């Protein structure tokens, strides 16, 4: 069924990669509305637990089960991919986001596409044309124009260093996590792959929180409030819908191309922020959007 859908729709994988960026952009708006009160570990654990439940409820409709007849090696690779790309990378991303703020964090997130490209060249032998390289550079340029701040006076040098460090580590770790899972993803159902990766994320988060000296404060940071409706909606969009779209895009498109298209999420975030949060789009942000669209076209159609 999946292969038939991919064959029937031109640029199927590339379309899914762009949809991933759009849905993640919506999720970020919900996360922003919910506030930044939760500890990164608690935030990551909750969204993954919610996603696991949702995928468990979804799998029977597609005739899937967790314990499908797959080699043990595939299970182990996907669990490791989840440990790296979900458990560790997402936690580091949230930590960096809390330290740097959304604008500067988006700049650091530009390392995602180059990281995936480098890793896919090393492990998968992917190659890009010159025009696709130009598209990647254009997308990253658009994100940089949109996210760069004129002043970082509110950050100490120490905060700036560690914020960039955790953000860069998150992008590299996420890239390694998806690239090592690519061969298994190519021959396996998307929903099953996603569920196993989520369990990998939980497998590393649960013991970290359990043995963390500040575990009571970490768990206590997830207190119920009126903002929880936004947090739950953000978790569903960011950890359920976008995760399926992201993996599907990686499966049906060249890994490097899908990663570059995923990067346009930063552009969508600014557009959605203007629409739903009434944040103005100035000349700098408009230029960023145009660069993002141009880069997307170059990567997809050349």
C-alpha atoms as a PDB file:
ATOM      1  CA  UNK A   1       0.000   0.000   0.000  1.00  0.00           C
ATOM      2  CA  UNK A   2       2.777   2.434   0.941  1.00  0.00           C
ATOM      3  CA  UNK A   3       4.731   1.702  -2.257  1.00  0.00           C
ATOM      4  CA  UNK A   4       1.607   2.160  -4.399  1.00  0.00           C
ATOM      5  CA  UNK A   5       0.941   5.558  -2.827  1.00  0.00           C
ATOM      6  CA  UNK A   6       4.526   6.631  -3.380  1.00  0.00           C
ATOM      7  CA  UNK A   7       4.433   5.571  -7.029  1.00  0.00           C
ATOM      8  CA  UNK A   8       1.115   7.316  -7.709  1.00  0.00           C
ATOM      9  CA  UNK A   9       2.135  10.753  -6.397  1.00  0.00           C
ATOM     10  CA  UNK A  10       5.057  12.628  -8.031  1.00  0.00           C
ATOM     11  CA  UNK A  11       7.643  13.840  -5.499  1.00  0.00           C
ATOM     12  CA  UNK A  12       5.800  11.896  -2.794  1.00  0.00           C
ATOM     13  CA  UNK A  13       8.691  11.868  -0.319  1.00  0.00           C
ATOM     14  CA  UNK A  14       9.561  15.508  -0.936  1.00  0.00           C
ATOM     15  CA  UNK A  15       5.924  16.521  -0.377  1.00  0.00           C
ATOM     16  CA  UNK A  16       5.855  14.647   2.930  1.00  0.00           C
ATOM     17  CA  UNK A  17       9.078  16.362   3.993  1.00  0.00           C
ATOM     18  CA  UNK A  18       7.534  19.800   3.389  1.00  0.00           C
ATOM     19  CA  UNK A  19       4.360  18.756   5.229  1.00  0.00           C
ATOM     20  CA  UNK A  20       6.572  17.716   8.128  1.00  0.00           C
ATOM     21  CA  UNK A  21       7.965  21.235   8.264  1.00  0.00           C
ATOM     22  CA  UNK A  22       4.475  22.755   8.224  1.00  0.00           C
ATOM     23  CA  UNK A  23       3.096  20.507  10.979  1.00  0.00           C
ATOM     24  CA  UNK A  24       6.178  21.054  13.124  1.00  0.00           C
ATOM     25  CA  UNK A  25       5.750  24.794  12.652  1.00  0.00           C
ATOM     26  CA  UNK A  26       2.201  24.507  14.017  1.00  0.00           C
ATOM     27  CA  UNK A  27       3.446  22.382  16.912  1.00  0.00           C
ATOM     28  CA  UNK A  28       6.007  25.029  17.853  1.00  0.00           C
ATOM     29  CA  UNK A  29       3.245  27.639  18.015  1.00  0.00           C
ATOM     30  CA  UNK A  30       1.314  25.414  20.429  1.00  0.00           C
ATOM     31  CA  UNK A  31       4.450  24.841  22.496  1.00  0.00           C
ATOM     32  CA  UNK A  32       5.058  28.570  22.638  1.00  0.00           C
ATOM     33  CA  UNK A  33       1.478  29.198  23.763  1.00  0.00           C
ATOM     34  CA  UNK A  34       1.856  26.563  26.483  1.00  0.00           C
ATOM     35  CA  UNK A  35       4.848  28.375  27.980  1.00  0.00           C
ATOM     36  CA  UNK A  36       8.304  27.176  28.917  1.00  0.00           C
ATOM     37  CA  UNK A  37       7.611  25.916  32.440  1.00  0.00           C
ATOM     38  CA  UNK A  38       8.440  22.232  32.018  1.00  0.00           C
ATOM     39  CA  UNK A  39      11.929  20.781  32.475  1.00  0.00           C
ATOM     40  CA  UNK A  40      13.404  19.513  29.162  1.00  0.00           C
ATOM     41  CA  UNK A  41      13.537  15.919  30.438  1.00  0.00           C
ATOM     42  CA  UNK A  42       9.940  16.003  31.686  1.00  0.00           C
ATOM     43  CA  UNK A  43       8.733  17.694  28.515  1.00  0.00           C
ATOM     44  CA  UNK A  44      10.418  15.101  26.323  1.00  0.00           C
ATOM     45  CA  UNK A  45       9.194  12.170  28.423  1.00  0.00           C
ATOM     46  CA  UNK A  46       5.576  13.345  28.384  1.00  0.00           C
ATOM     47  CA  UNK A  47       5.382  13.986  24.660  1.00  0.00           C
ATOM     48  CA  UNK A  48       6.941  10.600  23.917  1.00  0.00           C
ATOM     49  CA  UNK A  49       4.623   8.722  26.270  1.00  0.00           C
ATOM     50  CA  UNK A  50       1.627  10.409  24.661  1.00  0.00           C
ATOM     51  CA  UNK A  51       2.929   9.530  21.192  1.00  0.00           C
ATOM     52  CA  UNK A  52       3.499   5.888  22.203  1.00  0.00           C
ATOM     53  CA  UNK A  53      -0.123   5.579  23.313  1.00  0.00           C
ATOM     54  CA  UNK A  54      -1.379   7.201  20.116  1.00  0.00           C
ATOM     55  CA  UNK A  55       0.716   4.914  17.918  1.00  0.00           C
ATOM     56  CA  UNK A  56      -0.371   1.842  19.855  1.00  0.00           C
ATOM     57  CA  UNK A  57      -3.989   2.826  19.146  1.00  0.00           C
ATOM     58  CA  UNK A  58      -3.147   3.495  15.480  1.00  0.00           C
ATOM     59  CA  UNK A  59      -1.200   0.339  14.656  1.00  0.00           C
ATOM     60  CA  UNK A  60      -4.183  -2.114  14.561  1.00  0.00           C
ATOM     61  CA  UNK A  61      -5.887  -0.009  11.870  1.00  0.00           C
ATOM     62  CA  UNK A  62      -2.889  -0.667   9.616  1.00  0.00           C
ATOM     63  CA  UNK A  63      -2.577  -4.320  10.559  1.00  0.00           C
ATOM     64  CA  UNK A  64       0.651  -3.674  12.448  1.00  0.00           C
ATOM     65  CA  UNK A  65       1.930  -5.000  15.767  1.00  0.00           C
ATOM     66  CA  UNK A  66       5.021  -4.208  17.788  1.00  0.00           C
ATOM     67  CA  UNK A  67       6.245  -7.797  17.687  1.00  0.00           C
ATOM     68  CA  UNK A  68       6.310  -8.241  13.937  1.00  0.00           C
ATOM     69  CA  UNK A  69       8.551 -10.821  12.282  1.00  0.00           C
ATOM     70  CA  UNK A  70      11.592  -8.619  11.944  1.00  0.00           C
ATOM     71  CA  UNK A  71      15.221  -9.545  12.661  1.00  0.00           C
ATOM     72  CA  UNK A  72      16.466  -8.770  16.160  1.00  0.00           C
ATOM     73  CA  UNK A  73      19.086  -6.549  14.549  1.00  0.00           C
ATOM     74  CA  UNK A  74      16.349  -4.285  13.150  1.00  0.00           C
ATOM     75  CA  UNK A  75      14.790  -3.883  16.606  1.00  0.00           C
ATOM     76  CA  UNK A  76      18.158  -3.005  18.116  1.00  0.00           C
ATOM     77  CA  UNK A  77      18.997  -0.487  15.386  1.00  0.00           C
ATOM     78  CA  UNK A  78      15.639   1.266  15.791  1.00  0.00           C
ATOM     79  CA  UNK A  79      15.934   1.302  19.579  1.00  0.00           C
ATOM     80  CA  UNK A  80      19.399   2.867  19.274  1.00  0.00           C
ATOM     81  CA  UNK A  81      18.017   5.348  16.743  1.00  0.00           C
ATOM     82  CA  UNK A  82      15.316   6.313  19.252  1.00  0.00           C
ATOM     83  CA  UNK A  83      17.806   6.626  22.097  1.00  0.00           C
ATOM     84  CA  UNK A  84      19.875   9.046  20.011  1.00  0.00           C
ATOM     85  CA  UNK A  85      17.304  10.887  17.901  1.00  0.00           C
ATOM     86  CA  UNK A  86      14.398  11.082  20.366  1.00  0.00           C
ATOM     87  CA  UNK A  87      15.609  10.499  23.909  1.00  0.00           C
ATOM     88  CA  UNK A  88      18.873  12.449  23.800  1.00  0.00           C
ATOM     89  CA  UNK A  89      18.539  14.805  20.815  1.00  0.00           C
ATOM     90  CA  UNK A  90      15.093  16.168  21.731  1.00  0.00           C
ATOM     91  CA  UNK A  91      16.139  16.746  25.343  1.00  0.00           C
ATOM     92  CA  UNK A  92      19.233  18.644  24.242  1.00  0.00           C
ATOM     93  CA  UNK A  93      17.094  20.615  21.787  1.00  0.00           C
ATOM     94  CA  UNK A  94      14.684  21.690  24.545  1.00  0.00           C
ATOM     95  CA  UNK A  95      17.597  22.600  26.799  1.00  0.00           C
ATOM     96  CA  UNK A  96      19.165  24.729  24.074  1.00  0.00           C
ATOM     97  CA  UNK A  97      15.819  26.342  23.275  1.00  0.00           C
ATOM     98  CA  UNK A  98      15.331  27.334  26.922  1.00  0.00           C
ATOM     99  CA  UNK A  99      18.805  28.853  27.089  1.00  0.00           C
ATOM    100  CA  UNK A 100      18.926  30.670  23.747  1.00  0.00           C
ATOM    101  CA  UNK A 101      15.317  31.476  22.923  1.00  0.00           C
ATOM    102  CA  UNK A 102      13.528  30.645  19.674  1.00  0.00           C
ATOM    103  CA  UNK A 103      15.381  33.057  17.380  1.00  0.00           C
ATOM    104  CA  UNK A 104      18.957  32.093  18.170  1.00  0.00           C
ATOM    105  CA  UNK A 105      17.972  28.442  18.579  1.00  0.00           C
ATOM    106  CA  UNK A 106      16.664  28.454  15.004  1.00  0.00           C
ATOM    107  CA  UNK A 107      20.107  29.535  13.820  1.00  0.00           C
ATOM    108  CA  UNK A 108      21.740  26.588  15.575  1.00  0.00           C
ATOM    109  CA  UNK A 109      19.075  24.287  14.111  1.00  0.00           C
ATOM    110  CA  UNK A 110      20.539  25.053  10.679  1.00  0.00           C
ATOM    111  CA  UNK A 111      23.149  22.438  11.516  1.00  0.00           C
ATOM    112  CA  UNK A 112      20.497  19.730  11.020  1.00  0.00           C
ATOM    113  CA  UNK A 113      20.605  19.647   7.207  1.00  0.00           C
ATOM    114  CA  UNK A 114      24.405  19.715   6.903  1.00  0.00           C
ATOM    115  CA  UNK A 115      24.660  17.074   9.630  1.00  0.00           C
ATOM    116  CA  UNK A 116      22.278  14.709   7.837  1.00  0.00           C
ATOM    117  CA  UNK A 117      24.032  15.331   4.522  1.00  0.00           C
ATOM    118  CA  UNK A 118      27.463  14.536   5.989  1.00  0.00           C
ATOM    119  CA  UNK A 119      26.185  11.456   7.820  1.00  0.00           C
ATOM    120  CA  UNK A 120      24.257  10.172   4.782  1.00  0.00           C
ATOM    121  CA  UNK A 121      27.344  10.584   2.605  1.00  0.00           C
ATOM    122  CA  UNK A 122      29.414   8.602   5.115  1.00  0.00           C
ATOM    123  CA  UNK A 123      26.920   5.797   5.796  1.00  0.00           C
ATOM    124  CA  UNK A 124      24.587   5.731   2.802  1.00  0.00           C
ATOM    125  CA  UNK A 125      26.682   7.029  -0.088  1.00  0.00           C
ATOM    126  CA  UNK A 126      24.174   9.796  -0.954  1.00  0.00           C
ATOM    127  CA  UNK A 127      25.183  12.420  -3.502  1.00  0.00           C
ATOM    128  CA  UNK A 128      23.646  15.784  -4.415  1.00  0.00           C
ATOM    129  CA  UNK A 129      23.818  17.743  -7.646  1.00  0.00           C
ATOM    130  CA  UNK A 130      25.314  21.220  -7.707  1.00  0.00           C
ATOM    131  CA  UNK A 131      21.866  22.833  -7.903  1.00  0.00           C
ATOM    132  CA  UNK A 132      20.660  20.790  -4.929  1.00  0.00           C
ATOM    133  CA  UNK A 133      23.687  21.939  -2.950  1.00  0.00           C
ATOM    134  CA  UNK A 134      22.762  25.483  -3.940  1.00  0.00           C
ATOM    135  CA  UNK A 135      19.219  24.827  -2.723  1.00  0.00           C
ATOM    136  CA  UNK A 136      20.491  23.590   0.647  1.00  0.00           C
ATOM    137  CA  UNK A 137      22.641  26.700   1.027  1.00  0.00           C
ATOM    138  CA  UNK A 138      19.692  28.910   0.059  1.00  0.00           C
ATOM    139  CA  UNK A 139      17.394  27.263   2.622  1.00  0.00           C
ATOM    140  CA  UNK A 140      19.970  27.660   5.371  1.00  0.00           C
ATOM    141  CA  UNK A 141      20.553  31.267   4.311  1.00  0.00           C
ATOM    142  CA  UNK A 142      16.833  31.932   4.625  1.00  0.00           C
ATOM    143  CA  UNK A 143      16.721  30.483   8.111  1.00  0.00           C
ATOM    144  CA  UNK A 144      19.760  32.523   9.157  1.00  0.00           C
ATOM    145  CA  UNK A 145      18.245  35.742   7.831  1.00  0.00           C
ATOM    146  CA  UNK A 146      14.976  35.042   9.640  1.00  0.00           C
ATOM    147  CA  UNK A 147      16.461  33.967  12.948  1.00  0.00           C
ATOM    148  CA  UNK A 148      19.545  36.140  13.458  1.00  0.00           C
ATOM    149  CA  UNK A 149      19.190  38.749  16.172  1.00  0.00           C
ATOM    150  CA  UNK A 150      20.951  42.088  16.091  1.00  0.00           C
ATOM    151  CA  UNK A 151      21.746  41.890  19.778  1.00  0.00           C
ATOM    152  CA  UNK A 152      22.521  39.083  22.158  1.00  0.00           C
ATOM    153  CA  UNK A 153      23.165  41.358  25.155  1.00  0.00           C
ATOM    154  CA  UNK A 154      20.724  39.405  27.338  1.00  0.00           C
ATOM    155  CA  UNK A 155      22.963  36.314  27.133  1.00  0.00           C
ATOM    156  CA  UNK A 156      26.192  35.860  29.043  1.00  0.00           C
ATOM    157  CA  UNK A 157      29.116  34.319  27.134  1.00  0.00           C
ATOM    158  CA  UNK A 158      28.673  31.143  29.191  1.00  0.00           C
ATOM    159  CA  UNK A 159      24.964  30.903  28.366  1.00  0.00           C
ATOM    160  CA  UNK A 160      25.665  31.542  24.702  1.00  0.00           C
ATOM    161  CA  UNK A 161      28.376  28.872  24.572  1.00  0.00           C
ATOM    162  CA  UNK A 162      26.374  26.139  26.303  1.00  0.00           C
ATOM    163  CA  UNK A 163      23.188  27.002  24.446  1.00  0.00           C
ATOM    164  CA  UNK A 164      24.964  26.660  21.106  1.00  0.00           C
ATOM    165  CA  UNK A 165      26.775  23.535  22.308  1.00  0.00           C
ATOM    166  CA  UNK A 166      23.575  21.708  23.330  1.00  0.00           C
ATOM    167  CA  UNK A 167      21.801  22.810  20.152  1.00  0.00           C
ATOM    168  CA  UNK A 168      24.647  21.643  17.936  1.00  0.00           C
ATOM    169  CA  UNK A 169      24.866  18.330  19.781  1.00  0.00           C
ATOM    170  CA  UNK A 170      21.110  17.882  19.348  1.00  0.00           C
ATOM    171  CA  UNK A 171      21.297  18.351  15.582  1.00  0.00           C
ATOM    172  CA  UNK A 172      24.284  16.034  15.128  1.00  0.00           C
ATOM    173  CA  UNK A 173      22.773  13.358  17.374  1.00  0.00           C
ATOM    174  CA  UNK A 174      19.438  13.585  15.556  1.00  0.00           C
ATOM    175  CA  UNK A 175      21.211  13.220  12.210  1.00  0.00           C
ATOM    176  CA  UNK A 176      23.086  10.109  13.343  1.00  0.00           C
ATOM    177  CA  UNK A 177      19.854   8.652  14.724  1.00  0.00           C
ATOM    178  CA  UNK A 178      17.929   8.914  11.458  1.00  0.00           C
ATOM    179  CA  UNK A 179      20.796   7.930   9.159  1.00  0.00           C
ATOM    180  CA  UNK A 180      21.573   4.686  11.002  1.00  0.00           C
ATOM    181  CA  UNK A 181      17.865   3.783  10.844  1.00  0.00           C
ATOM    182  CA  UNK A 182      17.503   4.559   7.116  1.00  0.00           C
ATOM    183  CA  UNK A 183      18.203   0.979   5.848  1.00  0.00           C
ATOM    184  CA  UNK A 184      15.634  -0.480   8.275  1.00  0.00           C
ATOM    185  CA  UNK A 185      13.181   2.289   7.447  1.00  0.00           C
ATOM    186  CA  UNK A 186      13.431   1.502   3.735  1.00  0.00           C
ATOM    187  CA  UNK A 187      12.153  -2.054   4.237  1.00  0.00           C
ATOM    188  CA  UNK A 188       9.780  -1.593   7.183  1.00  0.00           C
ATOM    189  CA  UNK A 189       6.319  -0.069   7.886  1.00  0.00           C
ATOM    190  CA  UNK A 190       6.565   3.547   8.999  1.00  0.00           C
ATOM    191  CA  UNK A 191       4.244   3.261  12.000  1.00  0.00           C
ATOM    192  CA  UNK A 192       6.125   0.262  13.384  1.00  0.00           C
ATOM    193  CA  UNK A 193       9.466   2.022  12.958  1.00  0.00           C
ATOM    194  CA  UNK A 194       8.123   5.108  14.737  1.00  0.00           C
ATOM    195  CA  UNK A 195       6.767   3.110  17.677  1.00  0.00           C
ATOM    196  CA  UNK A 196      10.023   1.235  18.243  1.00  0.00           C
ATOM    197  CA  UNK A 197      12.047   4.449  18.044  1.00  0.00           C
ATOM    198  CA  UNK A 198       9.763   6.048  20.640  1.00  0.00           C
ATOM    199  CA  UNK A 199      10.368   3.118  22.995  1.00  0.00           C
ATOM    200  CA  UNK A 200      14.077   3.703  22.486  1.00  0.00           C
ATOM    201  CA  UNK A 201      13.594   7.301  23.576  1.00  0.00           C
ATOM    202  CA  UNK A 202      11.698   6.221  26.689  1.00  0.00           C
ATOM    203  CA  UNK A 203      14.356   3.583  27.439  1.00  0.00           C
ATOM    204  CA  UNK A 204      16.973   6.281  27.974  1.00  0.00           C
ATOM    205  CA  UNK A 205      14.746   9.017  29.465  1.00  0.00           C
ATOM    206  CA  UNK A 206      13.118   6.903  32.193  1.00  0.00           C
ATOM    207  CA  UNK A 207      16.337   5.849  33.987  1.00  0.00           C
ATOM    208  CA  UNK A 208      17.872   9.316  33.609  1.00  0.00           C
ATOM    209  CA  UNK A 209      14.893  10.895  35.369  1.00  0.00           C
ATOM    210  CA  UNK A 210      14.600   8.053  37.903  1.00  0.00           C
ATOM    211  CA  UNK A 211      18.182   8.441  39.095  1.00  0.00           C
ATOM    212  CA  UNK A 212      18.411  12.221  38.651  1.00  0.00           C
ATOM    213  CA  UNK A 213      18.975  13.977  42.009  1.00  0.00           C
ATOM    214  CA  UNK A 214      16.342  16.550  41.082  1.00  0.00           C
ATOM    215  CA  UNK A 215      13.744  14.050  39.849  1.00  0.00           C
ATOM    216  CA  UNK A 216      10.956  15.435  42.069  1.00  0.00           C
ATOM    217  CA  UNK A 217      11.403  18.930  40.651  1.00  0.00           C
ATOM    218  CA  UNK A 218      11.637  17.553  37.107  1.00  0.00           C
ATOM    219  CA  UNK A 219       8.396  15.594  37.354  1.00  0.00           C
ATOM    220  CA  UNK A 220       6.755  18.411  39.315  1.00  0.00           C
ATOM    221  CA  UNK A 221       7.444  20.848  36.475  1.00  0.00           C
ATOM    222  CA  UNK A 222       4.637  19.145  34.541  1.00  0.00           C
ATOM    223  CA  UNK A 223       1.900  20.772  36.578  1.00  0.00           C
ATOM    224  CA  UNK A 224      -1.565  21.113  35.184  1.00  0.00           C
ATOM    225  CA  UNK A 225      -2.705  24.574  34.128  1.00  0.00           C
ATOM    226  CA  UNK A 226      -4.866  26.289  31.551  1.00  0.00           C
ATOM    227  CA  UNK A 227      -1.942  26.094  29.106  1.00  0.00           C
ATOM    228  CA  UNK A 228      -2.054  22.300  28.970  1.00  0.00           C
ATOM    229  CA  UNK A 229      -4.477  22.265  26.075  1.00  0.00           C
ATOM    230  CA  UNK A 230      -1.805  23.912  23.941  1.00  0.00           C
ATOM    231  CA  UNK A 231       0.865  21.567  25.256  1.00  0.00           C
ATOM    232  CA  UNK A 232      -1.198  18.469  24.446  1.00  0.00           C
ATOM    233  CA  UNK A 233      -2.039  19.777  20.971  1.00  0.00           C
ATOM    234  CA  UNK A 234       1.628  20.570  20.419  1.00  0.00           C
ATOM    235  CA  UNK A 235       2.637  17.093  21.539  1.00  0.00           C
ATOM    236  CA  UNK A 236       0.135  15.458  19.185  1.00  0.00           C
ATOM    237  CA  UNK A 237       1.261  17.583  16.245  1.00  0.00           C
ATOM    238  CA  UNK A 238       4.960  17.461  17.050  1.00  0.00           C
ATOM    239  CA  UNK A 239       5.397  13.914  18.360  1.00  0.00           C
ATOM    240  CA  UNK A 240       2.692  12.018  16.483  1.00  0.00           C
ATOM    241  CA  UNK A 241       1.712  13.586  13.171  1.00  0.00           C
ATOM    242  CA  UNK A 242       5.006  15.241  12.268  1.00  0.00           C
ATOM    243  CA  UNK A 243       7.029  12.207  13.356  1.00  0.00           C
ATOM    244  CA  UNK A 244       5.176   9.944  10.923  1.00  0.00           C
ATOM    245  CA  UNK A 245       5.482  12.508   8.131  1.00  0.00           C
ATOM    246  CA  UNK A 246       9.176  13.012   8.907  1.00  0.00           C
ATOM    247  CA  UNK A 247      10.023   9.318   8.743  1.00  0.00           C
ATOM    248  CA  UNK A 248       7.873   8.852   5.622  1.00  0.00           C
ATOM    249  CA  UNK A 249       9.688  11.713   3.921  1.00  0.00           C
ATOM    250  CA  UNK A 250      13.015  10.126   4.849  1.00  0.00           C
ATOM    251  CA  UNK A 251      11.798   6.804   3.463  1.00  0.00           C
ATOM    252  CA  UNK A 252      10.480   7.988   0.083  1.00  0.00           C
ATOM    253  CA  UNK A 253      12.984  10.768  -0.652  1.00  0.00           C
ATOM    254  CA  UNK A 254      16.759  10.946  -0.682  1.00  0.00           C
ATOM    255  CA  UNK A 255      17.835  11.488   2.916  1.00  0.00           C
ATOM    256  CA  UNK A 256      19.786  14.673   2.198  1.00  0.00           C
ATOM    257  CA  UNK A 257      16.916  16.216   0.195  1.00  0.00           C
ATOM    258  CA  UNK A 258      14.332  15.375   2.858  1.00  0.00           C
ATOM    259  CA  UNK A 259      16.551  16.906   5.555  1.00  0.00           C
ATOM    260  CA  UNK A 260      16.916  20.147   3.602  1.00  0.00           C
ATOM    261  CA  UNK A 261      13.149  20.380   3.078  1.00  0.00           C
ATOM    262  CA  UNK A 262      12.548  19.671   6.772  1.00  0.00           C
ATOM    263  CA  UNK A 263      14.674  22.732   7.484  1.00  0.00           C
ATOM    264  CA  UNK A 264      11.952  24.992   6.047  1.00  0.00           C
ATOM    265  CA  UNK A 265      10.045  24.451   9.304  1.00  0.00           C
ATOM    266  CA  UNK A 266      11.816  27.556  10.583  1.00  0.00           C
ATOM    267  CA  UNK A 267      10.267  29.580   7.782  1.00  0.00           C
ATOM    268  CA  UNK A 268       6.803  28.195   8.526  1.00  0.00           C
ATOM    269  CA  UNK A 269       7.236  29.041  12.196  1.00  0.00           C
ATOM    270  CA  UNK A 270       7.659  32.712  11.347  1.00  0.00           C
ATOM    271  CA  UNK A 271       4.643  32.671   9.022  1.00  0.00           C
ATOM    272  CA  UNK A 272       2.411  30.938  11.574  1.00  0.00           C
ATOM    273  CA  UNK A 273       3.682  33.252  14.314  1.00  0.00           C
ATOM    274  CA  UNK A 274       2.521  36.225  12.262  1.00  0.00           C
ATOM    275  CA  UNK A 275      -0.888  34.657  11.613  1.00  0.00           C
ATOM    276  CA  UNK A 276      -1.694  33.158  15.016  1.00  0.00           C
ATOM    277  CA  UNK A 277       0.498  35.155  17.406  1.00  0.00           C
ATOM    278  CA  UNK A 278       0.269  38.447  15.469  1.00  0.00           C
ATOM    279  CA  UNK A 279       4.027  38.828  15.236  1.00  0.00           C
ATOM    280  CA  UNK A 280       4.981  41.253  12.447  1.00  0.00           C
ATOM    281  CA  UNK A 281       6.814  40.099   9.315  1.00  0.00           C
ATOM    282  CA  UNK A 282       9.469  42.696   8.557  1.00  0.00           C
ATOM    283  CA  UNK A 283      11.696  42.961   5.482  1.00  0.00           C
ATOM    284  CA  UNK A 284      14.236  40.569   6.998  1.00  0.00           C
ATOM    285  CA  UNK A 285      11.603  37.905   7.654  1.00  0.00           C
ATOM    286  CA  UNK A 286      10.058  38.388   4.219  1.00  0.00           C
ATOM    287  CA  UNK A 287      13.472  37.875   2.600  1.00  0.00           C
ATOM    288  CA  UNK A 288      13.930  34.726   4.671  1.00  0.00           C
ATOM    289  CA  UNK A 289      10.605  33.309   3.484  1.00  0.00           C
ATOM    290  CA  UNK A 290      11.489  33.985  -0.161  1.00  0.00           C
ATOM    291  CA  UNK A 291      14.899  32.352   0.262  1.00  0.00           C
ATOM    292  CA  UNK A 292      13.294  29.345   1.911  1.00  0.00           C
ATOM    293  CA  UNK A 293      10.798  28.887  -0.929  1.00  0.00           C
ATOM    294  CA  UNK A 294      13.519  29.301  -3.575  1.00  0.00           C
ATOM    295  CA  UNK A 295      15.747  26.769  -1.830  1.00  0.00           C
ATOM    296  CA  UNK A 296      12.877  24.300  -1.539  1.00  0.00           C
ATOM    297  CA  UNK A 297      12.234  24.505  -5.272  1.00  0.00           C
ATOM    298  CA  UNK A 298      15.907  24.006  -6.105  1.00  0.00           C
ATOM    299  CA  UNK A 299      16.257  20.970  -3.850  1.00  0.00           C
ATOM    300  CA  UNK A 300      13.022  19.355  -5.028  1.00  0.00           C
ATOM    301  CA  UNK A 301      12.976  19.959  -8.770  1.00  0.00           C
ATOM    302  CA  UNK A 302      16.660  19.793  -9.837  1.00  0.00           C
END
